[in-house]
């Protein structure tokens, strides 16, 4: 609401001046107005400066600014396009057509093969329609609609897990969630907030229901009964592609050398919100912030509780020394994310933990930087 009010005030106080200016120079006006005014303000609000539509780069700007330069407001900047728009202008479309024609001429003359980028490589990732980082799922807060557009709710017969959209056709989750599940019993919901549609929270767009074509378990996955599973990661290939919108979009994948220790991350899910067995889950998505621990500190914390735990290179720990904020039963498979260069990036998959929200008992996650290249290879090959 505060963001909307800010935008309205900005439209009245600032754009009035620029509108007068644009009218006086309409014959020489180009994209400079949008780039210098609208884009400046959306950047200050935390949105990216650029977006892509059909492989063409455009500017993220206020929809009012886009209208002034004769553009079309499209989604792609992580917000409602009526407020913050991916501004598609006819001028850029014309330039793109000329570029394509010139490229075809060059290809005909050179007769050389051209490497085509896959659609997944051109799409935006890690952009949320809500830029508010929740400061406090156990001990967390209810999420807002479209705050986590990559979040997936996976329903498997009588139990549930979380997941995360990593491309148009693939959802990542914990291998232990779906290793024994039948595909016909596995349902994936995208763009969901309230799983029971109670009407208590506003859902501005409907969720998508997807069925699963196949599951791909990481080749190094090891199920273990008393220790965290190794390489607890799987991909679900959807039968139909996800319909990208401001409330359904993929998360970014990290580089393999990304340093995580000491960073603050966000975990989200529909799991238990109290550690007791009386309350098994929540119908409204919740999130909590947790610090990522050094692996040695994680081992030391478990030793304080006299817990013998084996941690490996593909695992990471995140949690507070005092507990209180944590993932729990029903959150398995959900994403652990960090904000990297203005985009939300997947760094972990909720895997295991000794208790929920207990002091010195952090959550244990599969470490995505270790397997991000494997995820990319699967997405590109299938």
Foldseek 3Di string as FASTA:
>chain_A
DVVVVVLVVCCVPPVVVVLVVCVVVVVPDACPQFLPPFLVVVVVVLWDQWFDDPLFIAGWGALVSLVSRVWDFDDGGLADSNGIGRTHDVVSVVVVVVVVVVVVVVCVVVVDDDDDDDPQVRGDAQRFNDPDDWAWQARWFFDAQRRQQQKKWKFAVPATEIWGDAGQFKIKFFCVVPVPTDQVRIKIKGSDFFQVPPVPHDRPDDIDIWGFPDKAQPPPWDDDDQAFIPSGMMMTTTPGTDDDDSNHHGHAADALPDDAAFAKKKAKFFAFHDQDPPGGGHRGMTMGIWHWHDPVLLCVLCVVVPHDYDDDPQKTWTHDQAFRNADDPNHGTTFIWHQDPSGIYGFWGFTDWDTHRHHSITTMTGGRSNCVVVVVVVVVPD
